[in-house]
Full PDB file with SEQRES, HELIX, SHEET, SSBOND, CRYST1, ORIGX, SCALE, CONECT and MASTER records, all heavy atoms in Angstrom:
SEQRES   1 A   32  LYS ARG PRO LEU GLY ILE PRO THR MET TYR ASP ARG ALA          
SEQRES   2 A   32  MET GLN SER LEU TYR ALA LEU ALA LEU GLU PRO ILE ALA          
SEQRES   3 A   32  GLU ALA THR GLY ASP LYS                                      
HELIX    1 AA1 MET A    9  THR A   29  1                                  21    
CRYST1    1.000    1.000    1.000  90.00  90.00  90.00 P 1           1          
ORIGX1      1.000000  0.000000  0.000000        0.00000                         
ORIGX2      0.000000  1.000000  0.000000        0.00000                         
ORIGX3      0.000000  0.000000  1.000000        0.00000                         
SCALE1      1.000000  0.000000  0.000000        0.00000                         
SCALE2      0.000000  1.000000  0.000000        0.00000                         
SCALE3      0.000000  0.000000  1.000000        0.00000                         
ATOM      1  N   LYS A   1      84.691-142.577 -40.474  1.00  0.00           N  
ATOM      2  CA  LYS A   1      85.995-142.628 -41.157  1.00  0.00           C  
ATOM      3  C   LYS A   1      86.169-141.303 -41.979  1.00  0.00           C  
ATOM      4  O   LYS A   1      85.233-140.715 -42.464  1.00  0.00           O  
ATOM      5  CB  LYS A   1      86.118-143.813 -42.111  1.00  0.00           C  
ATOM      6  CG  LYS A   1      86.186-145.154 -41.371  1.00  0.00           C  
ATOM      7  CD  LYS A   1      86.524-146.273 -42.303  1.00  0.00           C  
ATOM      8  CE  LYS A   1      86.668-147.598 -41.549  1.00  0.00           C  
ATOM      9  NZ  LYS A   1      87.011-148.680 -42.362  1.00  0.00           N  
ATOM     10  N   ARG A   2      87.406-140.909 -41.976  1.00  0.00           N  
ATOM     11  CA  ARG A   2      87.737-139.669 -42.825  1.00  0.00           C  
ATOM     12  C   ARG A   2      88.550-140.029 -44.092  1.00  0.00           C  
ATOM     13  O   ARG A   2      89.402-140.904 -44.008  1.00  0.00           O  
ATOM     14  CB  ARG A   2      88.393-138.596 -41.935  1.00  0.00           C  
ATOM     15  CG  ARG A   2      89.845-138.930 -41.561  1.00  0.00           C  
ATOM     16  CD  ARG A   2      90.389-137.800 -40.749  1.00  0.00           C  
ATOM     17  NE  ARG A   2      91.753-137.982 -40.307  1.00  0.00           N  
ATOM     18  CZ  ARG A   2      92.833-137.682 -40.984  1.00  0.00           C  
ATOM     19  NH1 ARG A   2      92.810-137.019 -42.157  1.00  0.00           N  
ATOM     20  NH2 ARG A   2      94.054-137.864 -40.493  1.00  0.00           N  
ATOM     21  N   PRO A   3      88.281-139.309 -45.093  1.00  0.00           N  
ATOM     22  CA  PRO A   3      88.919-139.575 -46.440  1.00  0.00           C  
ATOM     23  C   PRO A   3      90.347-139.020 -46.415  1.00  0.00           C  
ATOM     24  O   PRO A   3      90.612-138.069 -45.845  1.00  0.00           O  
ATOM     25  CB  PRO A   3      88.058-138.910 -47.526  1.00  0.00           C  
ATOM     26  CG  PRO A   3      87.416-137.763 -46.743  1.00  0.00           C  
ATOM     27  CD  PRO A   3      87.225-138.214 -45.275  1.00  0.00           C  
ATOM     28  N   LEU A   4      91.156-139.830 -46.987  1.00  0.00           N  
ATOM     29  CA  LEU A   4      92.564-139.388 -47.143  1.00  0.00           C  
ATOM     30  C   LEU A   4      93.111-139.537 -48.567  1.00  0.00           C  
ATOM     31  O   LEU A   4      92.857-140.601 -49.152  1.00  0.00           O  
ATOM     32  CB  LEU A   4      93.459-140.166 -46.150  1.00  0.00           C  
ATOM     33  CG  LEU A   4      94.897-139.770 -45.772  1.00  0.00           C  
ATOM     34  CD1 LEU A   4      94.859-138.462 -45.020  1.00  0.00           C  
ATOM     35  CD2 LEU A   4      95.642-140.814 -45.084  1.00  0.00           C  
ATOM     36  N   GLY A   5      93.711-138.534 -49.033  1.00  0.00           N  
ATOM     37  CA  GLY A   5      94.178-138.594 -50.445  1.00  0.00           C  
ATOM     38  C   GLY A   5      95.718-138.904 -50.426  1.00  0.00           C  
ATOM     39  O   GLY A   5      96.519-138.147 -49.874  1.00  0.00           O  
ATOM     40  N   ILE A   6      96.172-139.957 -51.041  1.00  0.00           N  
ATOM     41  CA  ILE A   6      97.634-140.360 -51.038  1.00  0.00           C  
ATOM     42  C   ILE A   6      98.189-140.108 -52.398  1.00  0.00           C  
ATOM     43  O   ILE A   6      97.799-140.710 -53.352  1.00  0.00           O  
ATOM     44  CB  ILE A   6      97.808-141.786 -50.622  1.00  0.00           C  
ATOM     45  CG1 ILE A   6      97.139-142.104 -49.256  1.00  0.00           C  
ATOM     46  CG2 ILE A   6      99.241-142.214 -50.665  1.00  0.00           C  
ATOM     47  CD1 ILE A   6      97.103-143.535 -48.889  1.00  0.00           C  
ATOM     48  N   PRO A   7      99.264-139.166 -52.519  1.00  0.00           N  
ATOM     49  CA  PRO A   7      99.911-138.855 -53.734  1.00  0.00           C  
ATOM     50  C   PRO A   7     100.896-139.910 -54.008  1.00  0.00           C  
ATOM     51  O   PRO A   7     101.292-140.650 -53.159  1.00  0.00           O  
ATOM     52  CB  PRO A   7     100.542-137.503 -53.516  1.00  0.00           C  
ATOM     53  CG  PRO A   7     100.225-137.049 -52.204  1.00  0.00           C  
ATOM     54  CD  PRO A   7      99.692-138.223 -51.343  1.00  0.00           C  
ATOM     55  N   THR A   8     101.334-139.967 -55.323  1.00  0.00           N  
ATOM     56  CA  THR A   8     102.407-140.922 -55.634  1.00  0.00           C  
ATOM     57  C   THR A   8     103.749-140.395 -55.010  1.00  0.00           C  
ATOM     58  O   THR A   8     103.769-139.273 -54.546  1.00  0.00           O  
ATOM     59  CB  THR A   8     102.592-140.937 -57.145  1.00  0.00           C  
ATOM     60  OG1 THR A   8     103.063-139.592 -57.556  1.00  0.00           O  
ATOM     61  CG2 THR A   8     101.376-141.361 -57.896  1.00  0.00           C  
ATOM     62  N   MET A   9     104.656-141.238 -54.950  1.00  0.00           N  
ATOM     63  CA  MET A   9     106.039-140.839 -54.321  1.00  0.00           C  
ATOM     64  C   MET A   9     106.548-139.724 -55.120  1.00  0.00           C  
ATOM     65  O   MET A   9     107.200-138.824 -54.589  1.00  0.00           O  
ATOM     66  CB  MET A   9     106.999-142.084 -54.376  1.00  0.00           C  
ATOM     67  CG  MET A   9     106.581-143.209 -53.466  1.00  0.00           C  
ATOM     68  SD  MET A   9     106.564-142.808 -51.712  1.00  0.00           S  
ATOM     69  CE  MET A   9     108.280-142.838 -51.296  1.00  0.00           C  
ATOM     70  N   TYR A  10     106.427-139.692 -56.520  1.00  0.00           N  
ATOM     71  CA  TYR A  10     107.036-138.651 -57.296  1.00  0.00           C  
ATOM     72  C   TYR A  10     106.402-137.303 -57.005  1.00  0.00           C  
ATOM     73  O   TYR A  10     107.053-136.339 -56.815  1.00  0.00           O  
ATOM     74  CB  TYR A  10     106.866-139.011 -58.724  1.00  0.00           C  
ATOM     75  CG  TYR A  10     107.604-138.196 -59.787  1.00  0.00           C  
ATOM     76  CD1 TYR A  10     108.873-138.570 -60.125  1.00  0.00           C  
ATOM     77  CD2 TYR A  10     107.132-136.934 -60.165  1.00  0.00           C  
ATOM     78  CE1 TYR A  10     109.564-137.793 -61.048  1.00  0.00           C  
ATOM     79  CE2 TYR A  10     107.857-136.127 -61.007  1.00  0.00           C  
ATOM     80  CZ  TYR A  10     109.137-136.568 -61.463  1.00  0.00           C  
ATOM     81  OH  TYR A  10     109.873-135.801 -62.320  1.00  0.00           O  
ATOM     82  N   ASP A  11     105.116-137.415 -56.855  1.00  0.00           N  
ATOM     83  CA  ASP A  11     104.343-136.121 -56.477  1.00  0.00           C  
ATOM     84  C   ASP A  11     104.691-135.564 -55.035  1.00  0.00           C  
ATOM     85  O   ASP A  11     104.885-134.378 -54.834  1.00  0.00           O  
ATOM     86  CB  ASP A  11     102.780-136.350 -56.512  1.00  0.00           C  
ATOM     87  CG  ASP A  11     102.405-136.577 -57.942  1.00  0.00           C  
ATOM     88  OD1 ASP A  11     103.011-136.051 -58.864  1.00  0.00           O  
ATOM     89  OD2 ASP A  11     101.286-137.131 -58.255  1.00  0.00           O  
ATOM     90  N   ARG A  12     104.984-136.544 -54.151  1.00  0.00           N  
ATOM     91  CA  ARG A  12     105.388-136.153 -52.860  1.00  0.00           C  
ATOM     92  C   ARG A  12     106.791-135.536 -52.841  1.00  0.00           C  
ATOM     93  O   ARG A  12     107.035-134.554 -52.139  1.00  0.00           O  
ATOM     94  CB  ARG A  12     105.347-137.315 -51.915  1.00  0.00           C  
ATOM     95  CG  ARG A  12     104.040-137.721 -51.355  1.00  0.00           C  
ATOM     96  CD  ARG A  12     104.104-138.950 -50.415  1.00  0.00           C  
ATOM     97  NE  ARG A  12     103.543-140.147 -51.042  1.00  0.00           N  
ATOM     98  CZ  ARG A  12     103.547-141.350 -50.565  1.00  0.00           C  
ATOM     99  NH1 ARG A  12     104.050-141.579 -49.364  1.00  0.00           N  
ATOM    100  NH2 ARG A  12     102.902-142.317 -51.190  1.00  0.00           N  
ATOM    101  N   ALA A  13     107.593-136.032 -53.672  1.00  0.00           N  
ATOM    102  CA  ALA A  13     108.932-135.566 -53.803  1.00  0.00           C  
ATOM    103  C   ALA A  13     108.917-134.135 -54.477  1.00  0.00           C  
ATOM    104  O   ALA A  13     109.688-133.242 -53.923  1.00  0.00           O  
ATOM    105  CB  ALA A  13     109.932-136.473 -54.676  1.00  0.00           C  
ATOM    106  N   MET A  14     108.126-133.952 -55.426  1.00  0.00           N  
ATOM    107  CA  MET A  14     107.895-132.613 -55.996  1.00  0.00           C  
ATOM    108  C   MET A  14     107.364-131.586 -55.074  1.00  0.00           C  
ATOM    109  O   MET A  14     107.799-130.459 -55.058  1.00  0.00           O  
ATOM    110  CB  MET A  14     107.010-132.684 -57.230  1.00  0.00           C  
ATOM    111  CG  MET A  14     107.596-133.430 -58.507  1.00  0.00           C  
ATOM    112  SD  MET A  14     109.089-132.532 -59.194  1.00  0.00           S  
ATOM    113  CE  MET A  14     108.263-131.220 -60.052  1.00  0.00           C  
ATOM    114  N   GLN A  15     106.359-132.055 -54.332  1.00  0.00           N  
ATOM    115  CA  GLN A  15     105.923-131.149 -53.158  1.00  0.00           C  
ATOM    116  C   GLN A  15     106.955-130.729 -52.235  1.00  0.00           C  
ATOM    117  O   GLN A  15     107.097-129.580 -51.875  1.00  0.00           O  
ATOM    118  CB  GLN A  15     104.742-131.832 -52.435  1.00  0.00           C  
ATOM    119  CG  GLN A  15     103.484-132.028 -53.270  1.00  0.00           C  
ATOM    120  CD  GLN A  15     102.528-132.934 -52.626  1.00  0.00           C  
ATOM    121  OE1 GLN A  15     102.636-133.295 -51.366  1.00  0.00           O  
ATOM    122  NE2 GLN A  15     101.506-133.361 -53.345  1.00  0.00           N  
ATOM    123  N   SER A  16     107.818-131.676 -51.829  1.00  0.00           N  
ATOM    124  CA  SER A  16     108.920-131.415 -50.963  1.00  0.00           C  
ATOM    125  C   SER A  16     109.987-130.444 -51.541  1.00  0.00           C  
ATOM    126  O   SER A  16     110.530-129.596 -50.891  1.00  0.00           O  
ATOM    127  CB  SER A  16     109.674-132.721 -50.510  1.00  0.00           C  
ATOM    128  OG  SER A  16     108.822-133.535 -49.879  1.00  0.00           O  
ATOM    129  N   LEU A  17     110.232-130.607 -52.810  1.00  0.00           N  
ATOM    130  CA  LEU A  17     111.192-129.829 -53.480  1.00  0.00           C  
ATOM    131  C   LEU A  17     110.740-128.289 -53.559  1.00  0.00           C  
ATOM    132  O   LEU A  17     111.408-127.442 -53.326  1.00  0.00           O  
ATOM    133  CB  LEU A  17     111.377-130.361 -54.954  1.00  0.00           C  
ATOM    134  CG  LEU A  17     112.294-129.558 -55.899  1.00  0.00           C  
ATOM    135  CD1 LEU A  17     113.824-129.638 -55.263  1.00  0.00           C  
ATOM    136  CD2 LEU A  17     112.293-130.163 -57.322  1.00  0.00           C  
ATOM    137  N   TYR A  18     109.447-128.154 -53.926  1.00  0.00           N  
ATOM    138  CA  TYR A  18     108.913-126.796 -53.959  1.00  0.00           C  
ATOM    139  C   TYR A  18     108.688-126.159 -52.554  1.00  0.00           C  
ATOM    140  O   TYR A  18     108.792-124.981 -52.343  1.00  0.00           O  
ATOM    141  CB  TYR A  18     107.689-126.736 -54.844  1.00  0.00           C  
ATOM    142  CG  TYR A  18     108.086-126.599 -56.260  1.00  0.00           C  
ATOM    143  CD1 TYR A  18     108.407-127.832 -56.971  1.00  0.00           C  
ATOM    144  CD2 TYR A  18     108.351-125.431 -56.915  1.00  0.00           C  
ATOM    145  CE1 TYR A  18     108.871-127.856 -58.231  1.00  0.00           C  
ATOM    146  CE2 TYR A  18     108.801-125.397 -58.262  1.00  0.00           C  
ATOM    147  CZ  TYR A  18     109.066-126.606 -58.871  1.00  0.00           C  
ATOM    148  OH  TYR A  18     109.534-126.488 -60.178  1.00  0.00           O  
ATOM    149  N   ALA A  19     108.544-127.079 -51.544  1.00  0.00           N  
ATOM    150  CA  ALA A  19     108.300-126.650 -50.205  1.00  0.00           C  
ATOM    151  C   ALA A  19     109.654-126.005 -49.645  1.00  0.00           C  
ATOM    152  O   ALA A  19     109.659-124.997 -49.015  1.00  0.00           O  
ATOM    153  CB  ALA A  19     107.970-127.699 -49.233  1.00  0.00           C  
ATOM    154  N   LEU A  20     110.799-126.600 -50.158  1.00  0.00           N  
ATOM    155  CA  LEU A  20     112.104-126.023 -49.800  1.00  0.00           C  
ATOM    156  C   LEU A  20     112.279-124.560 -50.282  1.00  0.00           C  
ATOM    157  O   LEU A  20     112.931-123.782 -49.638  1.00  0.00           O  
ATOM    158  CB  LEU A  20     113.231-126.873 -50.349  1.00  0.00           C  
ATOM    159  CG  LEU A  20     113.399-128.239 -49.833  1.00  0.00           C  
ATOM    160  CD1 LEU A  20     114.348-129.109 -50.666  1.00  0.00           C  
ATOM    161  CD2 LEU A  20     113.917-128.272 -48.324  1.00  0.00           C  
ATOM    162  N   ALA A  21     111.690-124.293 -51.427  1.00  0.00           N  
ATOM    163  CA  ALA A  21     111.753-122.941 -51.973  1.00  0.00           C  
ATOM    164  C   ALA A  21     110.742-121.969 -51.466  1.00  0.00           C  
ATOM    165  O   ALA A  21     110.953-120.775 -51.413  1.00  0.00           O  
ATOM    166  CB  ALA A  21     111.599-122.993 -53.539  1.00  0.00           C  
ATOM    167  N   LEU A  22     109.609-122.477 -50.898  1.00  0.00           N  
ATOM    168  CA  LEU A  22     108.473-121.661 -50.381  1.00  0.00           C  
ATOM    169  C   LEU A  22     108.720-121.384 -48.831  1.00  0.00           C  
ATOM    170  O   LEU A  22     108.312-120.343 -48.346  1.00  0.00           O  
ATOM    171  CB  LEU A  22     107.224-122.386 -50.620  1.00  0.00           C  
ATOM    172  CG  LEU A  22     106.759-122.295 -52.078  1.00  0.00           C  
ATOM    173  CD1 LEU A  22     105.516-123.199 -52.187  1.00  0.00           C  
ATOM    174  CD2 LEU A  22     106.464-120.941 -52.607  1.00  0.00           C  
ATOM    175  N   GLU A  23     109.332-122.387 -48.136  1.00  0.00           N  
ATOM    176  CA  GLU A  23     109.469-122.213 -46.655  1.00  0.00           C  
ATOM    177  C   GLU A  23     110.274-120.911 -46.212  1.00  0.00           C  
ATOM    178  O   GLU A  23     109.737-120.218 -45.333  1.00  0.00           O  
ATOM    179  CB  GLU A  23     110.240-123.433 -46.088  1.00  0.00           C  
ATOM    180  CG  GLU A  23     109.368-124.588 -45.740  1.00  0.00           C  
ATOM    181  CD  GLU A  23     110.116-125.878 -45.457  1.00  0.00           C  
ATOM    182  OE1 GLU A  23     111.318-125.831 -45.402  1.00  0.00           O  
ATOM    183  OE2 GLU A  23     109.467-126.819 -45.243  1.00  0.00           O  
ATOM    184  N   PRO A  24     111.309-120.569 -46.904  1.00  0.00           N  
ATOM    185  CA  PRO A  24     111.962-119.242 -46.450  1.00  0.00           C  
ATOM    186  C   PRO A  24     111.011-118.039 -46.557  1.00  0.00           C  
ATOM    187  O   PRO A  24     111.065-117.195 -45.707  1.00  0.00           O  
ATOM    188  CB  PRO A  24     113.127-119.096 -47.463  1.00  0.00           C  
ATOM    189  CG  PRO A  24     113.424-120.628 -47.955  1.00  0.00           C  
ATOM    190  CD  PRO A  24     111.986-121.175 -48.011  1.00  0.00           C  
ATOM    191  N   ILE A  25     110.119-118.051 -47.564  1.00  0.00           N  
ATOM    192  CA  ILE A  25     109.176-116.878 -47.679  1.00  0.00           C  
ATOM    193  C   ILE A  25     108.171-116.964 -46.546  1.00  0.00           C  
ATOM    194  O   ILE A  25     107.851-116.005 -45.974  1.00  0.00           O  
ATOM    195  CB  ILE A  25     108.546-116.905 -49.029  1.00  0.00           C  
ATOM    196  CG1 ILE A  25     109.612-116.723 -50.172  1.00  0.00           C  
ATOM    197  CG2 ILE A  25     107.512-115.755 -49.141  1.00  0.00           C  
ATOM    198  CD1 ILE A  25     109.049-116.897 -51.586  1.00  0.00           C  
ATOM    199  N   ALA A  26     107.624-118.211 -46.378  1.00  0.00           N  
ATOM    200  CA  ALA A  26     106.506-118.301 -45.364  1.00  0.00           C  
ATOM    201  C   ALA A  26     107.112-117.942 -43.997  1.00  0.00           C  
ATOM    202  O   ALA A  26     106.399-117.299 -43.222  1.00  0.00           O  
ATOM    203  CB  ALA A  26     106.134-119.799 -45.356  1.00  0.00           C  
ATOM    204  N   GLU A  27     108.303-118.355 -43.687  1.00  0.00           N  
ATOM    205  CA  GLU A  27     108.915-118.135 -42.361  1.00  0.00           C  
ATOM    206  C   GLU A  27     109.291-116.600 -42.197  1.00  0.00           C  
ATOM    207  O   GLU A  27     109.227-116.138 -41.110  1.00  0.00           O  
ATOM    208  CB  GLU A  27     110.196-119.016 -42.168  1.00  0.00           C  
ATOM    209  CG  GLU A  27     109.868-120.453 -41.977  1.00  0.00           C  
ATOM    210  CD  GLU A  27     108.969-120.763 -40.699  1.00  0.00           C  
ATOM    211  OE1 GLU A  27     109.086-120.058 -39.727  1.00  0.00           O  
ATOM    212  OE2 GLU A  27     108.149-121.593 -40.809  1.00  0.00           O  
ATOM    213  N   ALA A  28     109.758-116.034 -43.305  1.00  0.00           N  
ATOM    214  CA  ALA A  28     110.111-114.584 -43.191  1.00  0.00           C  
ATOM    215  C   ALA A  28     108.864-113.692 -43.128  1.00  0.00           C  
ATOM    216  O   ALA A  28     108.940-112.562 -42.477  1.00  0.00           O  
ATOM    217  CB  ALA A  28     110.911-114.234 -44.404  1.00  0.00           C  
ATOM    218  N   THR A  29     107.789-114.086 -43.719  1.00  0.00           N  
ATOM    219  CA  THR A  29     106.613-113.210 -43.774  1.00  0.00           C  
ATOM    220  C   THR A  29     105.401-113.645 -42.787  1.00  0.00           C  
ATOM    221  O   THR A  29     104.429-112.975 -42.643  1.00  0.00           O  
ATOM    222  CB  THR A  29     106.087-113.062 -45.174  1.00  0.00           C  
ATOM    223  OG1 THR A  29     105.721-114.392 -45.644  1.00  0.00           O  
ATOM    224  CG2 THR A  29     107.117-112.442 -46.161  1.00  0.00           C  
ATOM    225  N   GLY A  30     105.573-114.796 -42.239  1.00  0.00           N  
ATOM    226  CA  GLY A  30     104.570-115.437 -41.437  1.00  0.00           C  
ATOM    227  C   GLY A  30     104.289-114.776 -40.025  1.00  0.00           C  
ATOM    228  O   GLY A  30     105.147-114.008 -39.653  1.00  0.00           O  
ATOM    229  N   ASP A  31     103.182-115.140 -39.464  1.00  0.00           N  
ATOM    230  CA  ASP A  31     102.872-114.528 -38.041  1.00  0.00           C  
ATOM    231  C   ASP A  31     103.880-115.001 -37.067  1.00  0.00           C  
ATOM    232  O   ASP A  31     104.117-116.279 -36.950  1.00  0.00           O  
ATOM    233  CB  ASP A  31     101.469-115.048 -37.805  1.00  0.00           C  
ATOM    234  CG  ASP A  31     101.011-114.538 -36.403  1.00  0.00           C  
ATOM    235  OD1 ASP A  31     101.771-113.863 -35.746  1.00  0.00           O  
ATOM    236  OD2 ASP A  31      99.786-114.678 -36.041  1.00  0.00           O  
ATOM    237  N   LYS A  32     104.503-114.203 -36.317  1.00  0.00           N  
ATOM    238  CA  LYS A  32     105.541-114.580 -35.387  1.00  0.00           C  
ATOM    239  C   LYS A  32     104.969-115.341 -34.200  1.00  0.00           C  
ATOM    240  O   LYS A  32     105.618-116.000 -33.396  1.00  0.00           O  
ATOM    241  CB  LYS A  32     106.310-113.352 -34.919  1.00  0.00           C  
ATOM    242  CG  LYS A  32     107.230-112.829 -35.987  1.00  0.00           C  
ATOM    243  CD  LYS A  32     107.919-111.669 -35.545  1.00  0.00           C  
ATOM    244  CE  LYS A  32     108.864-111.051 -36.627  1.00  0.00           C  
ATOM    245  NZ  LYS A  32     109.615-109.861 -36.282  1.00  0.00           N  
TER     246      LYS A  32                                                      
MASTER        0    0    0    1    0    0    0    6  245    1    0    3          
END                                                                             
């Protein structure tokens, strides 16, 4: 069995919120 860490819904939403701001940078500078 492998361990899995489950965040709270609030933490997941905060991760999604900051992912929206980080994705444009990752896509613009990432390996094509």
